[in-house]
């Protein structure tokens, strides 16, 4: 029996701390060798592109795919399919938009839990969309945030962000007129932009007091969000996927210029499990490209919480089972 969970059904069910706990648990499974994460499939077609991701969590007993596509002039849609590993049954098909936004914010929050920043924390944000909102919410759930500043190219967007997030989190959020003004002097900084440029939107020279930098917006080889200095100045560079360098242009640029060494790079799973110790001071840079394991962790919990509720739409014959042929049937063909 497959259940169908749309956007409205998922809204408000999981909070940011819930998502952070789920990602920590999944990362601990990954560190223990109890998961599988496939390379991301990227393909382009005449009017857009499609990306497909897969992960299995042997300890939780689930596997999942996420497929998301963009149609030019329309936008992006996300769908997550959750399966039971034991028998391959398709358990749920879920709208993936909230899952994507929430797990991206939660990943930064998981890193923030390991990066101590004593005293009140100021946050700088580049970007004012859904991802930027989740970044601020995750940082505010870990640190005692006293203020935040936000920049995005459209004045109306950043002003709306500042007004709404101030009201939601109960902290002063100010809209500023440049990326440098948003991040200079800030203890925690997040870049969550939609930029597709090969020119960075954030420069390490601006990070004069930064303890934690999270770059979550650029996940394509052609795009650069953080400049090379953001990685060169870091005492530790954390990635959420061992294949992150293959996917993110800013990581590729940093590696090309020798700004990332094996000794100062770690995965999210390694810092969650304690296999790698986070420096007690100095800059930590987190580059997130997202993984299907993160999507799986949230999708499984949504399924467990909502799957038995009355009125949830079902599709009993979706992904019907085709039995393998017997030896006798094969011989008759």
C-alpha atoms as a PDB file:
ATOM      1  CA  UNK A   1       0.000   0.000   0.000  1.00  0.00           C
ATOM      2  CA  UNK A   2       1.564   3.285  -1.130  1.00  0.00           C
ATOM      3  CA  UNK A   3       0.548   6.530   0.577  1.00  0.00           C
ATOM      4  CA  UNK A   4       0.681   9.926  -1.109  1.00  0.00           C
ATOM      5  CA  UNK A   5       1.879  12.889   0.974  1.00  0.00           C
ATOM      6  CA  UNK A   6       1.579  16.295  -0.627  1.00  0.00           C
ATOM      7  CA  UNK A   7       2.971  19.644   0.437  1.00  0.00           C
ATOM      8  CA  UNK A   8       0.015  20.543   2.660  1.00  0.00           C
ATOM      9  CA  UNK A   9       0.189  17.235   4.547  1.00  0.00           C
ATOM     10  CA  UNK A  10       3.880  17.752   5.396  1.00  0.00           C
ATOM     11  CA  UNK A  11       3.777  21.382   6.506  1.00  0.00           C
ATOM     12  CA  UNK A  12       4.455  21.873  10.222  1.00  0.00           C
ATOM     13  CA  UNK A  13       4.880  18.170  11.023  1.00  0.00           C
ATOM     14  CA  UNK A  14       8.657  18.280  11.610  1.00  0.00           C
ATOM     15  CA  UNK A  15      10.545  21.159  13.198  1.00  0.00           C
ATOM     16  CA  UNK A  16      14.134  22.194  12.629  1.00  0.00           C
ATOM     17  CA  UNK A  17      15.478  20.426  15.717  1.00  0.00           C
ATOM     18  CA  UNK A  18      13.602  17.264  14.699  1.00  0.00           C
ATOM     19  CA  UNK A  19      15.271  17.398  11.295  1.00  0.00           C
ATOM     20  CA  UNK A  20      18.707  18.002  12.835  1.00  0.00           C
ATOM     21  CA  UNK A  21      18.286  14.975  15.107  1.00  0.00           C
ATOM     22  CA  UNK A  22      17.256  12.824  12.137  1.00  0.00           C
ATOM     23  CA  UNK A  23      20.260  13.923  10.084  1.00  0.00           C
ATOM     24  CA  UNK A  24      22.614  13.254  12.992  1.00  0.00           C
ATOM     25  CA  UNK A  25      21.201   9.750  13.284  1.00  0.00           C
ATOM     26  CA  UNK A  26      21.549   9.093   9.554  1.00  0.00           C
ATOM     27  CA  UNK A  27      25.101  10.468   9.613  1.00  0.00           C
ATOM     28  CA  UNK A  28      25.997   8.105  12.447  1.00  0.00           C
ATOM     29  CA  UNK A  29      24.697   5.205  10.329  1.00  0.00           C
ATOM     30  CA  UNK A  30      26.836   6.458   7.441  1.00  0.00           C
ATOM     31  CA  UNK A  31      29.919   6.677   9.656  1.00  0.00           C
ATOM     32  CA  UNK A  32      29.316   3.080  10.753  1.00  0.00           C
ATOM     33  CA  UNK A  33      29.193   1.854   7.130  1.00  0.00           C
ATOM     34  CA  UNK A  34      25.479   1.082   7.313  1.00  0.00           C
ATOM     35  CA  UNK A  35      24.393   3.191   4.327  1.00  0.00           C
ATOM     36  CA  UNK A  36      24.801   3.506   0.570  1.00  0.00           C
ATOM     37  CA  UNK A  37      24.661   6.785  -1.367  1.00  0.00           C
ATOM     38  CA  UNK A  38      24.796   6.709  -5.156  1.00  0.00           C
ATOM     39  CA  UNK A  39      26.333   9.320  -7.441  1.00  0.00           C
ATOM     40  CA  UNK A  40      23.857  11.945  -8.588  1.00  0.00           C
ATOM     41  CA  UNK A  41      22.475  11.512 -12.100  1.00  0.00           C
ATOM     42  CA  UNK A  42      22.320  14.817 -13.964  1.00  0.00           C
ATOM     43  CA  UNK A  43      20.806  15.150 -17.400  1.00  0.00           C
ATOM     44  CA  UNK A  44      19.705  18.090 -19.517  1.00  0.00           C
ATOM     45  CA  UNK A  45      17.016  18.281 -22.175  1.00  0.00           C
ATOM     46  CA  UNK A  46      15.727  20.971 -24.493  1.00  0.00           C
ATOM     47  CA  UNK A  47      13.642  22.893 -21.974  1.00  0.00           C
ATOM     48  CA  UNK A  48      15.338  22.067 -18.692  1.00  0.00           C
ATOM     49  CA  UNK A  49      17.140  19.432 -16.616  1.00  0.00           C
ATOM     50  CA  UNK A  50      16.507  16.413 -14.396  1.00  0.00           C
ATOM     51  CA  UNK A  51      18.512  15.146 -11.408  1.00  0.00           C
ATOM     52  CA  UNK A  52      18.005  11.815  -9.642  1.00  0.00           C
ATOM     53  CA  UNK A  53      19.509  10.704  -6.304  1.00  0.00           C
ATOM     54  CA  UNK A  54      19.360   7.402  -4.390  1.00  0.00           C
ATOM     55  CA  UNK A  55      20.344   6.252  -0.906  1.00  0.00           C
ATOM     56  CA  UNK A  56      19.807   3.218   1.314  1.00  0.00           C
ATOM     57  CA  UNK A  57      19.997   3.125   5.103  1.00  0.00           C
ATOM     58  CA  UNK A  58      20.476  -0.509   6.080  1.00  0.00           C
ATOM     59  CA  UNK A  59      20.116   0.265   9.781  1.00  0.00           C
ATOM     60  CA  UNK A  60      16.760   2.044   9.459  1.00  0.00           C
ATOM     61  CA  UNK A  61      15.491  -0.400   6.825  1.00  0.00           C
ATOM     62  CA  UNK A  62      14.584   2.135   4.145  1.00  0.00           C
ATOM     63  CA  UNK A  63      15.834   3.301   0.773  1.00  0.00           C
ATOM     64  CA  UNK A  64      14.706   6.309  -1.231  1.00  0.00           C
ATOM     65  CA  UNK A  65      15.040   8.170  -4.478  1.00  0.00           C
ATOM     66  CA  UNK A  66      14.640  11.870  -5.050  1.00  0.00           C
ATOM     67  CA  UNK A  67      13.962  13.170  -8.533  1.00  0.00           C
ATOM     68  CA  UNK A  68      13.814  16.871  -9.214  1.00  0.00           C
ATOM     69  CA  UNK A  69      13.500  18.732 -12.460  1.00  0.00           C
ATOM     70  CA  UNK A  70      13.445  22.253 -13.821  1.00  0.00           C
ATOM     71  CA  UNK A  71      11.425  23.540 -16.750  1.00  0.00           C
ATOM     72  CA  UNK A  72      12.645  26.859 -18.096  1.00  0.00           C
ATOM     73  CA  UNK A  73      10.293  29.698 -17.247  1.00  0.00           C
ATOM     74  CA  UNK A  74       8.307  27.484 -14.856  1.00  0.00           C
ATOM     75  CA  UNK A  75      10.475  26.352 -11.937  1.00  0.00           C
ATOM     76  CA  UNK A  76      11.580  23.239 -10.066  1.00  0.00           C
ATOM     77  CA  UNK A  77       9.576  20.289  -8.718  1.00  0.00           C
ATOM     78  CA  UNK A  78      10.801  17.640  -6.254  1.00  0.00           C
ATOM     79  CA  UNK A  79       9.460  14.137  -5.586  1.00  0.00           C
ATOM     80  CA  UNK A  80      10.763  11.655  -2.999  1.00  0.00           C
ATOM     81  CA  UNK A  81       9.899   7.942  -3.203  1.00  0.00           C
ATOM     82  CA  UNK A  82      10.384   5.887  -0.029  1.00  0.00           C
ATOM     83  CA  UNK A  83      10.823   2.085  -0.140  1.00  0.00           C
ATOM     84  CA  UNK A  84      11.114  -0.661   2.454  1.00  0.00           C
ATOM     85  CA  UNK A  85      14.407  -2.469   1.986  1.00  0.00           C
ATOM     86  CA  UNK A  86      13.184  -5.849   3.192  1.00  0.00           C
ATOM     87  CA  UNK A  87      10.814  -6.466   0.293  1.00  0.00           C
ATOM     88  CA  UNK A  88      11.188  -3.415  -1.954  1.00  0.00           C
ATOM     89  CA  UNK A  89       7.624  -2.205  -1.377  1.00  0.00           C
ATOM     90  CA  UNK A  90       7.000   1.428  -2.316  1.00  0.00           C
ATOM     91  CA  UNK A  91       5.728   2.887   0.947  1.00  0.00           C
ATOM     92  CA  UNK A  92       5.224   6.539   0.129  1.00  0.00           C
ATOM     93  CA  UNK A  93       5.512   9.185  -2.556  1.00  0.00           C
ATOM     94  CA  UNK A  94       6.141  12.595  -1.010  1.00  0.00           C
ATOM     95  CA  UNK A  95       6.353  16.136  -2.284  1.00  0.00           C
ATOM     96  CA  UNK A  96      10.045  16.941  -1.886  1.00  0.00           C
ATOM     97  CA  UNK A  97      10.095  20.720  -1.575  1.00  0.00           C
ATOM     98  CA  UNK A  98       9.812  20.972   2.213  1.00  0.00           C
ATOM     99  CA  UNK A  99      12.076  17.962   2.631  1.00  0.00           C
ATOM    100  CA  UNK A 100      14.767  19.627   0.516  1.00  0.00           C
ATOM    101  CA  UNK A 101      14.582  22.990   2.267  1.00  0.00           C
ATOM    102  CA  UNK A 102      14.371  21.504   5.757  1.00  0.00           C
ATOM    103  CA  UNK A 103      17.195  18.995   5.402  1.00  0.00           C
ATOM    104  CA  UNK A 104      19.491  21.629   3.866  1.00  0.00           C
ATOM    105  CA  UNK A 105      18.953  23.910   6.844  1.00  0.00           C
ATOM    106  CA  UNK A 106      19.255  21.014   9.254  1.00  0.00           C
ATOM    107  CA  UNK A 107      22.619  19.944   7.805  1.00  0.00           C
ATOM    108  CA  UNK A 108      24.057  23.365   8.648  1.00  0.00           C
ATOM    109  CA  UNK A 109      22.536  23.063  12.104  1.00  0.00           C
ATOM    110  CA  UNK A 110      24.222  19.702  12.641  1.00  0.00           C
ATOM    111  CA  UNK A 111      27.585  21.299  11.829  1.00  0.00           C
ATOM    112  CA  UNK A 112      26.789  24.270  14.077  1.00  0.00           C
ATOM    113  CA  UNK A 113      26.213  21.873  16.980  1.00  0.00           C
ATOM    114  CA  UNK A 114      29.860  20.816  16.602  1.00  0.00           C
ATOM    115  CA  UNK A 115      31.289  24.324  16.050  1.00  0.00           C
ATOM    116  CA  UNK A 116      31.238  26.164  19.355  1.00  0.00           C
ATOM    117  CA  UNK A 117      30.730  29.909  19.263  1.00  0.00           C
ATOM    118  CA  UNK A 118      30.701  31.293  22.807  1.00  0.00           C
ATOM    119  CA  UNK A 119      28.553  34.288  23.637  1.00  0.00           C
ATOM    120  CA  UNK A 120      25.869  35.984  21.542  1.00  0.00           C
ATOM    121  CA  UNK A 121      26.162  35.243  17.832  1.00  0.00           C
ATOM    122  CA  UNK A 122      25.524  37.572  14.912  1.00  0.00           C
ATOM    123  CA  UNK A 123      24.476  35.975  11.610  1.00  0.00           C
ATOM    124  CA  UNK A 124      25.059  37.186   8.073  1.00  0.00           C
ATOM    125  CA  UNK A 125      23.012  35.861   5.157  1.00  0.00           C
ATOM    126  CA  UNK A 126      23.382  36.160   1.410  1.00  0.00           C
ATOM    127  CA  UNK A 127      20.103  35.113  -0.157  1.00  0.00           C
ATOM    128  CA  UNK A 128      16.503  35.661   0.909  1.00  0.00           C
ATOM    129  CA  UNK A 129      14.653  32.594  -0.398  1.00  0.00           C
ATOM    130  CA  UNK A 130      13.376  29.457   1.328  1.00  0.00           C
ATOM    131  CA  UNK A 131      16.887  28.054   1.799  1.00  0.00           C
ATOM    132  CA  UNK A 132      18.124  31.257   3.460  1.00  0.00           C
ATOM    133  CA  UNK A 133      15.161  31.176   5.832  1.00  0.00           C
ATOM    134  CA  UNK A 134      16.008  27.630   6.827  1.00  0.00           C
ATOM    135  CA  UNK A 135      19.662  28.550   7.321  1.00  0.00           C
ATOM    136  CA  UNK A 136      18.790  31.319   9.763  1.00  0.00           C
ATOM    137  CA  UNK A 137      16.282  29.125  11.573  1.00  0.00           C
ATOM    138  CA  UNK A 138      18.811  26.312  11.983  1.00  0.00           C
ATOM    139  CA  UNK A 139      21.579  28.612  13.251  1.00  0.00           C
ATOM    140  CA  UNK A 140      19.144  30.253  15.669  1.00  0.00           C
ATOM    141  CA  UNK A 141      18.156  26.831  17.001  1.00  0.00           C
ATOM    142  CA  UNK A 142      21.780  26.141  17.985  1.00  0.00           C
ATOM    143  CA  UNK A 143      23.318  29.503  18.849  1.00  0.00           C
ATOM    144  CA  UNK A 144      22.086  32.396  20.978  1.00  0.00           C
ATOM    145  CA  UNK A 145      21.599  34.668  17.995  1.00  0.00           C
ATOM    146  CA  UNK A 146      21.425  38.349  18.919  1.00  0.00           C
ATOM    147  CA  UNK A 147      21.025  39.806  15.419  1.00  0.00           C
ATOM    148  CA  UNK A 148      21.156  39.015  11.718  1.00  0.00           C
ATOM    149  CA  UNK A 149      21.697  40.876   8.469  1.00  0.00           C
ATOM    150  CA  UNK A 150      20.510  39.784   5.029  1.00  0.00           C
ATOM    151  CA  UNK A 151      21.388  40.765   1.488  1.00  0.00           C
ATOM    152  CA  UNK A 152      19.875  39.699  -1.816  1.00  0.00           C
ATOM    153  CA  UNK A 153      19.884  41.606  -5.108  1.00  0.00           C
ATOM    154  CA  UNK A 154      16.179  42.479  -4.956  1.00  0.00           C
ATOM    155  CA  UNK A 155      15.509  45.041  -2.240  1.00  0.00           C
ATOM    156  CA  UNK A 156      11.884  44.013  -1.765  1.00  0.00           C
ATOM    157  CA  UNK A 157      12.826  40.380  -1.218  1.00  0.00           C
ATOM    158  CA  UNK A 158      15.452  41.108   1.432  1.00  0.00           C
ATOM    159  CA  UNK A 159      13.161  43.570   3.220  1.00  0.00           C
ATOM    160  CA  UNK A 160      10.348  41.003   3.311  1.00  0.00           C
ATOM    161  CA  UNK A 161      12.789  38.391   4.600  1.00  0.00           C
ATOM    162  CA  UNK A 162      13.989  40.735   7.365  1.00  0.00           C
ATOM    163  CA  UNK A 163      10.470  41.630   8.454  1.00  0.00           C
ATOM    164  CA  UNK A 164       9.107  38.071   8.437  1.00  0.00           C
ATOM    165  CA  UNK A 165      12.117  36.365  10.044  1.00  0.00           C
ATOM    166  CA  UNK A 166      12.331  39.038  12.749  1.00  0.00           C
ATOM    167  CA  UNK A 167       8.731  38.264  13.664  1.00  0.00           C
ATOM    168  CA  UNK A 168       9.189  34.488  13.454  1.00  0.00           C
ATOM    169  CA  UNK A 169      12.402  34.211  15.490  1.00  0.00           C
ATOM    170  CA  UNK A 170      12.053  37.230  17.749  1.00  0.00           C
ATOM    171  CA  UNK A 171      15.445  38.682  16.821  1.00  0.00           C
ATOM    172  CA  UNK A 172      16.334  41.846  14.894  1.00  0.00           C
ATOM    173  CA  UNK A 173      17.000  41.017  11.235  1.00  0.00           C
ATOM    174  CA  UNK A 174      18.199  43.904   9.075  1.00  0.00           C
ATOM    175  CA  UNK A 175      18.172  44.176   5.284  1.00  0.00           C
ATOM    176  CA  UNK A 176      21.427  45.639   3.925  1.00  0.00           C
ATOM    177  CA  UNK A 177      22.470  46.789   0.475  1.00  0.00           C
ATOM    178  CA  UNK A 178      25.563  44.646  -0.209  1.00  0.00           C
ATOM    179  CA  UNK A 179      26.828  41.130   0.359  1.00  0.00           C
ATOM    180  CA  UNK A 180      29.883  42.477   2.172  1.00  0.00           C
ATOM    181  CA  UNK A 181      27.730  44.501   4.569  1.00  0.00           C
ATOM    182  CA  UNK A 182      25.701  41.382   5.356  1.00  0.00           C
ATOM    183  CA  UNK A 183      28.673  39.209   6.375  1.00  0.00           C
ATOM    184  CA  UNK A 184      31.463  41.462   7.626  1.00  0.00           C
ATOM    185  CA  UNK A 185      31.904  41.149  11.391  1.00  0.00           C
ATOM    186  CA  UNK A 186      29.434  38.251  11.657  1.00  0.00           C
ATOM    187  CA  UNK A 187      30.198  35.133  13.679  1.00  0.00           C
ATOM    188  CA  UNK A 188      28.067  32.781  11.545  1.00  0.00           C
ATOM    189  CA  UNK A 189      27.518  33.297   7.828  1.00  0.00           C
ATOM    190  CA  UNK A 190      25.355  31.429   5.317  1.00  0.00           C
ATOM    191  CA  UNK A 191      25.275  31.790   1.547  1.00  0.00           C
ATOM    192  CA  UNK A 192      22.054  30.401   0.076  1.00  0.00           C
ATOM    193  CA  UNK A 193      21.758  32.029  -3.305  1.00  0.00           C
ATOM    194  CA  UNK A 194      20.296  31.067  -6.664  1.00  0.00           C
ATOM    195  CA  UNK A 195      23.343  32.430  -8.487  1.00  0.00           C
ATOM    196  CA  UNK A 196      24.527  30.350 -11.436  1.00  0.00           C
ATOM    197  CA  UNK A 197      27.568  32.547 -12.104  1.00  0.00           C
ATOM    198  CA  UNK A 198      31.177  31.383 -12.161  1.00  0.00           C
ATOM    199  CA  UNK A 199      32.006  34.513 -10.132  1.00  0.00           C
ATOM    200  CA  UNK A 200      31.768  34.057  -6.351  1.00  0.00           C
ATOM    201  CA  UNK A 201      29.129  35.954  -4.406  1.00  0.00           C
ATOM    202  CA  UNK A 202      31.031  35.739  -1.100  1.00  0.00           C
ATOM    203  CA  UNK A 203      34.691  36.606  -0.571  1.00  0.00           C
ATOM    204  CA  UNK A 204      36.795  35.281   2.280  1.00  0.00           C
ATOM    205  CA  UNK A 205      38.363  38.708   2.783  1.00  0.00           C
ATOM    206  CA  UNK A 206      35.032  39.869   4.214  1.00  0.00           C
ATOM    207  CA  UNK A 207      34.975  37.186   6.942  1.00  0.00           C
ATOM    208  CA  UNK A 208      36.930  39.032   9.589  1.00  0.00           C
ATOM    209  CA  UNK A 209      35.213  37.434  12.620  1.00  0.00           C
ATOM    210  CA  UNK A 210      33.521  34.380  11.132  1.00  0.00           C
ATOM    211  CA  UNK A 211      33.555  31.116  13.081  1.00  0.00           C
ATOM    212  CA  UNK A 212      31.166  29.110  10.851  1.00  0.00           C
ATOM    213  CA  UNK A 213      30.556  29.616   7.137  1.00  0.00           C
ATOM    214  CA  UNK A 214      27.850  27.573   5.396  1.00  0.00           C
ATOM    215  CA  UNK A 215      27.652  27.546   1.591  1.00  0.00           C
ATOM    216  CA  UNK A 216      24.490  25.760   0.466  1.00  0.00           C
ATOM    217  CA  UNK A 217      23.235  27.456  -2.705  1.00  0.00           C
ATOM    218  CA  UNK A 218      25.632  26.339  -5.434  1.00  0.00           C
ATOM    219  CA  UNK A 219      25.688  22.636  -6.285  1.00  0.00           C
ATOM    220  CA  UNK A 220      26.819  22.650  -9.914  1.00  0.00           C
ATOM    221  CA  UNK A 221      30.342  22.477 -11.373  1.00  0.00           C
ATOM    222  CA  UNK A 222      29.670  25.626 -13.417  1.00  0.00           C
ATOM    223  CA  UNK A 223      28.623  27.722 -10.389  1.00  0.00           C
ATOM    224  CA  UNK A 224      30.789  29.305  -7.689  1.00  0.00           C
ATOM    225  CA  UNK A 225      29.299  30.713  -4.489  1.00  0.00           C
ATOM    226  CA  UNK A 226      32.335  30.910  -2.152  1.00  0.00           C
ATOM    227  CA  UNK A 227      35.739  32.119  -3.318  1.00  0.00           C
ATOM    228  CA  UNK A 228      38.983  30.211  -2.821  1.00  0.00           C
ATOM    229  CA  UNK A 229      39.957  32.192   0.279  1.00  0.00           C
ATOM    230  CA  UNK A 230      36.848  30.927   2.100  1.00  0.00           C
ATOM    231  CA  UNK A 231      38.443  27.467   1.974  1.00  0.00           C
ATOM    232  CA  UNK A 232      42.085  28.469   2.285  1.00  0.00           C
ATOM    233  CA  UNK A 233      41.468  30.371   5.543  1.00  0.00           C
ATOM    234  CA  UNK A 234      39.454  27.529   7.096  1.00  0.00           C
ATOM    235  CA  UNK A 235      41.011  25.276   9.695  1.00  0.00           C
ATOM    236  CA  UNK A 236      38.475  22.612   8.716  1.00  0.00           C
ATOM    237  CA  UNK A 237      36.379  22.156   5.572  1.00  0.00           C
ATOM    238  CA  UNK A 238      33.279  20.000   6.121  1.00  0.00           C
ATOM    239  CA  UNK A 239      31.302  18.447   3.243  1.00  0.00           C
ATOM    240  CA  UNK A 240      28.085  16.464   3.481  1.00  0.00           C
ATOM    241  CA  UNK A 241      28.995  14.133   0.618  1.00  0.00           C
ATOM    242  CA  UNK A 242      32.262  12.376  -0.218  1.00  0.00           C
ATOM    243  CA  UNK A 243      31.474  13.289  -3.837  1.00  0.00           C
ATOM    244  CA  UNK A 244      30.974  16.987  -3.113  1.00  0.00           C
ATOM    245  CA  UNK A 245      34.087  18.034  -5.029  1.00  0.00           C
ATOM    246  CA  UNK A 246      32.690  16.349  -8.147  1.00  0.00           C
ATOM    247  CA  UNK A 247      29.518  18.436  -7.885  1.00  0.00           C
ATOM    248  CA  UNK A 248      30.371  21.917  -6.572  1.00  0.00           C
ATOM    249  CA  UNK A 249      32.287  24.452  -8.617  1.00  0.00           C
ATOM    250  CA  UNK A 250      33.595  26.377  -5.619  1.00  0.00           C
ATOM    251  CA  UNK A 251      35.122  23.200  -4.159  1.00  0.00           C
ATOM    252  CA  UNK A 252      36.689  22.423  -7.516  1.00  0.00           C
ATOM    253  CA  UNK A 253      38.235  25.880  -7.668  1.00  0.00           C
ATOM    254  CA  UNK A 254      39.526  25.563  -4.099  1.00  0.00           C
ATOM    255  CA  UNK A 255      41.072  22.178  -4.836  1.00  0.00           C
ATOM    256  CA  UNK A 256      42.636  23.467  -8.055  1.00  0.00           C
ATOM    257  CA  UNK A 257      44.369  26.272  -6.137  1.00  0.00           C
ATOM    258  CA  UNK A 258      45.521  24.017  -3.294  1.00  0.00           C
ATOM    259  CA  UNK A 259      43.173  25.591  -0.732  1.00  0.00           C
ATOM    260  CA  UNK A 260      41.838  22.216   0.441  1.00  0.00           C
ATOM    261  CA  UNK A 261      44.092  19.462   1.716  1.00  0.00           C
ATOM    262  CA  UNK A 262      43.085  15.985   2.803  1.00  0.00           C
ATOM    263  CA  UNK A 263      44.232  16.784   6.345  1.00  0.00           C
ATOM    264  CA  UNK A 264      41.746  19.619   6.802  1.00  0.00           C
ATOM    265  CA  UNK A 265      38.718  18.083   5.073  1.00  0.00           C
ATOM    266  CA  UNK A 266      36.040  15.954   6.736  1.00  0.00           C
ATOM    267  CA  UNK A 267      32.558  14.669   5.991  1.00  0.00           C
ATOM    268  CA  UNK A 268      29.493  15.441   8.044  1.00  0.00           C
ATOM    269  CA  UNK A 269      29.428  11.795   9.120  1.00  0.00           C
ATOM    270  CA  UNK A 270      32.998  12.017  10.410  1.00  0.00           C
ATOM    271  CA  UNK A 271      32.371  15.027  12.635  1.00  0.00           C
ATOM    272  CA  UNK A 272      29.051  13.641  13.925  1.00  0.00           C
ATOM    273  CA  UNK A 273      30.707  10.353  14.886  1.00  0.00           C
ATOM    274  CA  UNK A 274      33.736  12.074  16.416  1.00  0.00           C
ATOM    275  CA  UNK A 275      36.135  10.508  13.926  1.00  0.00           C
ATOM    276  CA  UNK A 276      37.320  14.054  13.167  1.00  0.00           C
ATOM    277  CA  UNK A 277      37.581  16.722  15.851  1.00  0.00           C
ATOM    278  CA  UNK A 278      36.413  20.244  15.072  1.00  0.00           C
ATOM    279  CA  UNK A 279      39.007  22.942  15.897  1.00  0.00           C
ATOM    280  CA  UNK A 280      38.137  24.929  19.007  1.00  0.00           C
ATOM    281  CA  UNK A 281      38.741  28.246  17.263  1.00  0.00           C
ATOM    282  CA  UNK A 282      39.181  29.715  13.798  1.00  0.00           C
ATOM    283  CA  UNK A 283      37.042  29.437  10.670  1.00  0.00           C
ATOM    284  CA  UNK A 284      35.127  26.248   9.797  1.00  0.00           C
ATOM    285  CA  UNK A 285      33.685  26.167   6.281  1.00  0.00           C
ATOM    286  CA  UNK A 286      30.788  23.836   5.498  1.00  0.00           C
ATOM    287  CA  UNK A 287      29.970  23.165   1.852  1.00  0.00           C
ATOM    288  CA  UNK A 288      26.655  21.394   1.382  1.00  0.00           C
ATOM    289  CA  UNK A 289      25.516  19.759  -1.843  1.00  0.00           C
ATOM    290  CA  UNK A 290      22.827  17.602  -0.216  1.00  0.00           C
ATOM    291  CA  UNK A 291      22.435  13.825  -0.272  1.00  0.00           C
ATOM    292  CA  UNK A 292      19.582  11.402  -0.771  1.00  0.00           C
ATOM    293  CA  UNK A 293      20.397   9.967   2.665  1.00  0.00           C
ATOM    294  CA  UNK A 294      19.286  13.268   4.176  1.00  0.00           C
ATOM    295  CA  UNK A 295      16.081  13.188   2.122  1.00  0.00           C
ATOM    296  CA  UNK A 296      15.515   9.574   3.176  1.00  0.00           C
ATOM    297  CA  UNK A 297      15.863  10.400   6.880  1.00  0.00           C
ATOM    298  CA  UNK A 298      13.111  12.995   6.748  1.00  0.00           C
ATOM    299  CA  UNK A 299      10.871  11.063   4.352  1.00  0.00           C
ATOM    300  CA  UNK A 300      10.957   8.001   6.601  1.00  0.00           C
ATOM    301  CA  UNK A 301       9.911  10.019   9.649  1.00  0.00           C
ATOM    302  CA  UNK A 302       7.069  11.710   7.738  1.00  0.00           C
ATOM    303  CA  UNK A 303       5.900   8.245   6.671  1.00  0.00           C
ATOM    304  CA  UNK A 304       6.071   6.900  10.234  1.00  0.00           C
ATOM    305  CA  UNK A 305       4.139   9.866  11.607  1.00  0.00           C
ATOM    306  CA  UNK A 306       1.533  10.243   8.868  1.00  0.00           C
ATOM    307  CA  UNK A 307       1.211   6.821   7.238  1.00  0.00           C
ATOM    308  CA  UNK A 308      -1.526   5.520   9.497  1.00  0.00           C
ATOM    309  CA  UNK A 309      -3.612   8.689   9.660  1.00  0.00           C
ATOM    310  CA  UNK A 310      -7.169   8.451   8.418  1.00  0.00           C
ATOM    311  CA  UNK A 311      -7.813  10.069   5.104  1.00  0.00           C
ATOM    312  CA  UNK A 312      -4.271   9.847   3.735  1.00  0.00           C
ATOM    313  CA  UNK A 313      -4.537   9.153  -0.029  1.00  0.00           C
ATOM    314  CA  UNK A 314      -3.335   5.708  -1.081  1.00  0.00           C
ATOM    315  CA  UNK A 315      -2.515   3.931  -4.320  1.00  0.00           C
ATOM    316  CA  UNK A 316      -2.736   0.179  -3.638  1.00  0.00           C
ATOM    317  CA  UNK A 317      -1.508  -0.886  -7.074  1.00  0.00           C
ATOM    318  CA  UNK A 318       1.314   1.622  -7.508  1.00  0.00           C
ATOM    319  CA  UNK A 319       4.684  -0.014  -8.268  1.00  0.00           C
ATOM    320  CA  UNK A 320       3.029  -3.425  -8.559  1.00  0.00           C
ATOM    321  CA  UNK A 321       5.267  -6.459  -8.189  1.00  0.00           C
ATOM    322  CA  UNK A 322       6.351  -8.396 -11.242  1.00  0.00           C
ATOM    323  CA  UNK A 323       7.265 -11.895 -10.103  1.00  0.00           C
ATOM    324  CA  UNK A 324      10.489 -13.395 -11.509  1.00  0.00           C
ATOM    325  CA  UNK A 325      10.042 -16.133 -14.116  1.00  0.00           C
ATOM    326  CA  UNK A 326      10.444 -19.721 -13.014  1.00  0.00           C
ATOM    327  CA  UNK A 327      12.987 -22.015 -14.675  1.00  0.00           C
ATOM    328  CA  UNK A 328      10.130 -23.824 -16.470  1.00  0.00           C
ATOM    329  CA  UNK A 329       8.696 -20.551 -17.820  1.00  0.00           C
ATOM    330  CA  UNK A 330      12.104 -19.451 -19.026  1.00  0.00           C
ATOM    331  CA  UNK A 331      12.612 -22.801 -20.870  1.00  0.00           C
ATOM    332  CA  UNK A 332       9.257 -22.434 -22.645  1.00  0.00           C
ATOM    333  CA  UNK A 333      10.188 -19.009 -24.085  1.00  0.00           C
END
